[in-house]
Amino acid sequence: MSEITARDALEYATRDELLKLYGVVGGAWVLMFVGSFLMGPLGALPSFVGLLTVVAGLFAFLAGVVAIAYKVLTESR
């Protein structure tokens, strides 16, 4: 197995395809963060919308992490 330099690792980590997946993970985190504020004592409807937002953010976060792992594993073969 060949040795990987820091430059190669940074180049791989900042490819356009991976940056899109990082954006999905970051956007999901923002969704969960905003949704957690809506789940406060603002009433029933904002709490429900906050819950849906947190669930959507969690789903997007998990999908992004799995997509990143899949991409890294398939390209390492």
N, C-alpha and C. Protein backbone atom coordinates (compact mmCIF):
# COMPACT_ATOMS: atom_id res chain seq x y z
N MET A 1 0.84 -1.17 0.00
CA MET A 1 0.00 0.00 0.00
C MET A 1 0.89 1.24 0.00
N SER A 2 0.56 2.20 -0.84
CA SER A 2 1.39 3.39 -0.94
C SER A 2 1.05 4.39 0.15
N GLU A 3 2.00 5.23 0.44
CA GLU A 3 1.81 6.24 1.48
C GLU A 3 1.08 7.44 0.88
N ILE A 4 0.14 7.99 1.63
CA ILE A 4 -0.65 9.13 1.16
C ILE A 4 -0.12 10.39 1.83
N THR A 5 0.16 11.39 1.02
CA THR A 5 0.66 12.65 1.57
C THR A 5 -0.50 13.51 2.05
N ALA A 6 -0.18 14.50 2.84
CA ALA A 6 -1.21 15.41 3.36
C ALA A 6 -1.86 16.18 2.22
N ARG A 7 -1.10 16.55 1.23
CA ARG A 7 -1.65 17.28 0.08
C ARG A 7 -2.68 16.42 -0.66
N ASP A 8 -2.36 15.14 -0.87
CA ASP A 8 -3.31 14.25 -1.54
C ASP A 8 -4.58 14.08 -0.71
N ALA A 9 -4.43 13.96 0.59
CA ALA A 9 -5.59 13.79 1.45
C ALA A 9 -6.48 15.03 1.43
N LEU A 10 -5.87 16.21 1.48
CA LEU A 10 -6.66 17.44 1.43
C LEU A 10 -7.31 17.63 0.07
N GLU A 11 -6.62 17.27 -0.98
CA GLU A 11 -7.19 17.37 -2.32
C GLU A 11 -8.41 16.45 -2.45
N TYR A 12 -8.29 15.23 -1.93
CA TYR A 12 -9.41 14.30 -1.97
C TYR A 12 -10.59 14.80 -1.15
N ALA A 13 -10.31 15.33 0.03
CA ALA A 13 -11.38 15.76 0.93
C ALA A 13 -12.10 17.01 0.45
N THR A 14 -11.49 17.76 -0.45
CA THR A 14 -12.13 18.99 -0.93
C THR A 14 -12.57 18.88 -2.39
N ARG A 15 -12.77 17.69 -2.87
CA ARG A 15 -13.33 17.50 -4.21
C ARG A 15 -14.76 18.02 -4.23
N ASP A 16 -15.22 18.37 -5.42
CA ASP A 16 -16.54 18.96 -5.57
C ASP A 16 -17.65 18.02 -5.09
N GLU A 17 -17.52 16.72 -5.39
CA GLU A 17 -18.55 15.77 -4.98
C GLU A 17 -18.66 15.67 -3.46
N LEU A 18 -17.51 15.65 -2.80
CA LEU A 18 -17.52 15.56 -1.34
C LEU A 18 -17.98 16.86 -0.70
N LEU A 19 -17.68 18.00 -1.31
CA LEU A 19 -18.14 19.27 -0.76
C LEU A 19 -19.67 19.35 -0.77
N LYS A 20 -20.29 18.79 -1.79
CA LYS A 20 -21.76 18.74 -1.83
C LYS A 20 -22.31 17.91 -0.68
N LEU A 21 -21.67 16.79 -0.41
CA LEU A 21 -22.12 15.93 0.69
C LEU A 21 -21.88 16.60 2.04
N TYR A 22 -20.77 17.34 2.17
CA TYR A 22 -20.54 18.09 3.40
C TYR A 22 -21.64 19.14 3.58
N GLY A 23 -22.08 19.73 2.48
CA GLY A 23 -23.17 20.71 2.53
C GLY A 23 -24.47 20.09 3.01
N VAL A 24 -24.73 18.85 2.59
CA VAL A 24 -25.93 18.15 3.06
C VAL A 24 -25.86 17.93 4.57
N VAL A 25 -24.69 17.49 5.05
CA VAL A 25 -24.53 17.25 6.49
C VAL A 25 -24.66 18.56 7.27
N GLY A 26 -24.03 19.63 6.77
CA GLY A 26 -24.12 20.93 7.44
C GLY A 26 -25.53 21.49 7.43
N GLY A 27 -26.22 21.35 6.29
CA GLY A 27 -27.61 21.81 6.22
C GLY A 27 -28.52 21.02 7.14
N ALA A 28 -28.26 19.74 7.27
CA ALA A 28 -29.05 18.92 8.19
C ALA A 28 -28.84 19.36 9.63
N TRP A 29 -27.61 19.70 9.96
CA TRP A 29 -27.34 20.18 11.32
C TRP A 29 -28.09 21.48 11.59
N VAL A 30 -28.12 22.36 10.60
CA VAL A 30 -28.85 23.63 10.75
C VAL A 30 -30.34 23.35 10.91
N LEU A 31 -30.89 22.43 10.14
CA LEU A 31 -32.31 22.07 10.28
C LEU A 31 -32.61 21.57 11.69
N MET A 32 -31.77 20.70 12.20
CA MET A 32 -32.01 20.18 13.55
C MET A 32 -31.88 21.28 14.60
N PHE A 33 -30.95 22.19 14.39
CA PHE A 33 -30.75 23.29 15.33
C PHE A 33 -31.96 24.23 15.34
N VAL A 34 -32.44 24.61 14.17
CA VAL A 34 -33.61 25.49 14.08
C VAL A 34 -34.86 24.79 14.60
N GLY A 35 -35.01 23.53 14.25
CA GLY A 35 -36.17 22.77 14.72
C GLY A 35 -36.21 22.63 16.23
N SER A 36 -35.06 22.55 16.85
CA SER A 36 -35.04 22.42 18.32
C SER A 36 -35.53 23.70 18.99
N PHE A 37 -35.30 24.86 18.37
CA PHE A 37 -35.83 26.10 18.92
C PHE A 37 -37.34 26.21 18.74
N LEU A 38 -37.85 25.66 17.65
CA LEU A 38 -39.30 25.71 17.41
C LEU A 38 -40.07 24.79 18.35
N MET A 39 -39.40 23.81 18.92
CA MET A 39 -40.08 22.86 19.79
C MET A 39 -40.27 23.40 21.21
N GLY A 40 -39.95 24.65 21.46
CA GLY A 40 -40.10 25.25 22.77
C GLY A 40 -41.55 25.56 23.08
N PRO A 41 -41.78 26.40 24.07
CA PRO A 41 -43.15 26.70 24.51
C PRO A 41 -43.83 27.76 23.63
N LEU A 42 -43.83 27.57 22.33
CA LEU A 42 -44.43 28.54 21.42
C LEU A 42 -45.85 28.17 21.02
N GLY A 43 -46.28 26.98 21.33
CA GLY A 43 -47.61 26.53 20.94
C GLY A 43 -47.52 25.18 20.25
N ALA A 44 -48.71 24.67 19.90
CA ALA A 44 -48.78 23.33 19.33
C ALA A 44 -48.26 23.28 17.90
N LEU A 45 -48.67 24.22 17.07
CA LEU A 45 -48.26 24.17 15.66
C LEU A 45 -46.76 24.40 15.48
N PRO A 46 -46.17 25.41 16.10
CA PRO A 46 -44.71 25.55 15.96
C PRO A 46 -43.93 24.34 16.53
N SER A 47 -44.45 23.74 17.58
CA SER A 47 -43.78 22.56 18.13
C SER A 47 -43.85 21.39 17.16
N PHE A 48 -44.99 21.23 16.49
CA PHE A 48 -45.13 20.16 15.50
C PHE A 48 -44.21 20.41 14.31
N VAL A 49 -44.16 21.65 13.83
CA VAL A 49 -43.27 22.00 12.73
C VAL A 49 -41.81 21.79 13.15
N GLY A 50 -41.49 22.15 14.39
CA GLY A 50 -40.14 21.92 14.89
C GLY A 50 -39.79 20.45 14.94
N LEU A 51 -40.73 19.63 15.36
CA LEU A 51 -40.49 18.18 15.40
C LEU A 51 -40.26 17.63 14.00
N LEU A 52 -41.08 18.06 13.04
CA LEU A 52 -40.88 17.61 11.66
C LEU A 52 -39.54 18.08 11.11
N THR A 53 -39.13 19.29 11.47
CA THR A 53 -37.86 19.83 11.02
C THR A 53 -36.69 19.03 11.60
N VAL A 54 -36.78 18.69 12.87
CA VAL A 54 -35.72 17.90 13.50
C VAL A 54 -35.64 16.51 12.87
N VAL A 55 -36.78 15.90 12.62
CA VAL A 55 -36.78 14.56 12.00
C VAL A 55 -36.21 14.62 10.58
N ALA A 56 -36.60 15.64 9.81
CA ALA A 56 -36.05 15.80 8.47
C ALA A 56 -34.55 16.05 8.52
N GLY A 57 -34.10 16.85 9.46
CA GLY A 57 -32.68 17.11 9.62
C GLY A 57 -31.91 15.86 10.00
N LEU A 58 -32.48 15.07 10.89
CA LEU A 58 -31.83 13.83 11.30
C LEU A 58 -31.71 12.87 10.12
N PHE A 59 -32.78 12.76 9.34
CA PHE A 59 -32.74 11.89 8.16
C PHE A 59 -31.69 12.37 7.17
N ALA A 60 -31.65 13.67 6.91
CA ALA A 60 -30.66 14.21 5.97
C ALA A 60 -29.24 14.02 6.50
N PHE A 61 -29.05 14.19 7.81
CA PHE A 61 -27.73 13.99 8.40
C PHE A 61 -27.26 12.55 8.23
N LEU A 62 -28.14 11.60 8.54
CA LEU A 62 -27.76 10.20 8.40
C LEU A 62 -27.52 9.83 6.94
N ALA A 63 -28.34 10.35 6.04
CA ALA A 63 -28.14 10.07 4.62
C ALA A 63 -26.82 10.65 4.13
N GLY A 64 -26.47 11.84 4.59
CA GLY A 64 -25.20 12.45 4.19
C GLY A 64 -24.00 11.68 4.70
N VAL A 65 -24.06 11.23 5.94
CA VAL A 65 -22.94 10.47 6.51
C VAL A 65 -22.79 9.13 5.80
N VAL A 66 -23.90 8.46 5.51
CA VAL A 66 -23.83 7.19 4.80
C VAL A 66 -23.30 7.41 3.38
N ALA A 67 -23.72 8.48 2.73
CA ALA A 67 -23.25 8.77 1.37
C ALA A 67 -21.75 9.06 1.36
N ILE A 68 -21.26 9.80 2.35
CA ILE A 68 -19.82 10.07 2.43
C ILE A 68 -19.05 8.77 2.65
N ALA A 69 -19.53 7.95 3.58
CA ALA A 69 -18.85 6.68 3.85
C ALA A 69 -18.86 5.78 2.62
N TYR A 70 -19.98 5.73 1.92
CA TYR A 70 -20.08 4.91 0.71
C TYR A 70 -19.11 5.39 -0.36
N LYS A 71 -19.06 6.70 -0.56
CA LYS A 71 -18.16 7.27 -1.57
C LYS A 71 -16.70 6.96 -1.25
N VAL A 72 -16.32 7.16 0.01
CA VAL A 72 -14.93 6.90 0.39
C VAL A 72 -14.61 5.42 0.24
N LEU A 73 -15.52 4.55 0.66
CA LEU A 73 -15.25 3.11 0.55
C LEU A 73 -15.19 2.62 -0.87
N THR A 74 -16.08 3.12 -1.74
CA THR A 74 -16.07 2.64 -3.12
C THR A 74 -14.86 3.17 -3.88
N GLU A 75 -14.39 4.35 -3.55
CA GLU A 75 -13.22 4.89 -4.24
C GLU A 75 -11.91 4.32 -3.70
N SER A 76 -11.96 3.67 -2.57
CA SER A 76 -10.73 3.09 -2.02
C SER A 76 -10.44 1.70 -2.58
N ARG A 77 -11.34 1.17 -3.33
CA ARG A 77 -11.15 -0.18 -3.91
C ARG A 77 -10.26 -0.15 -5.09
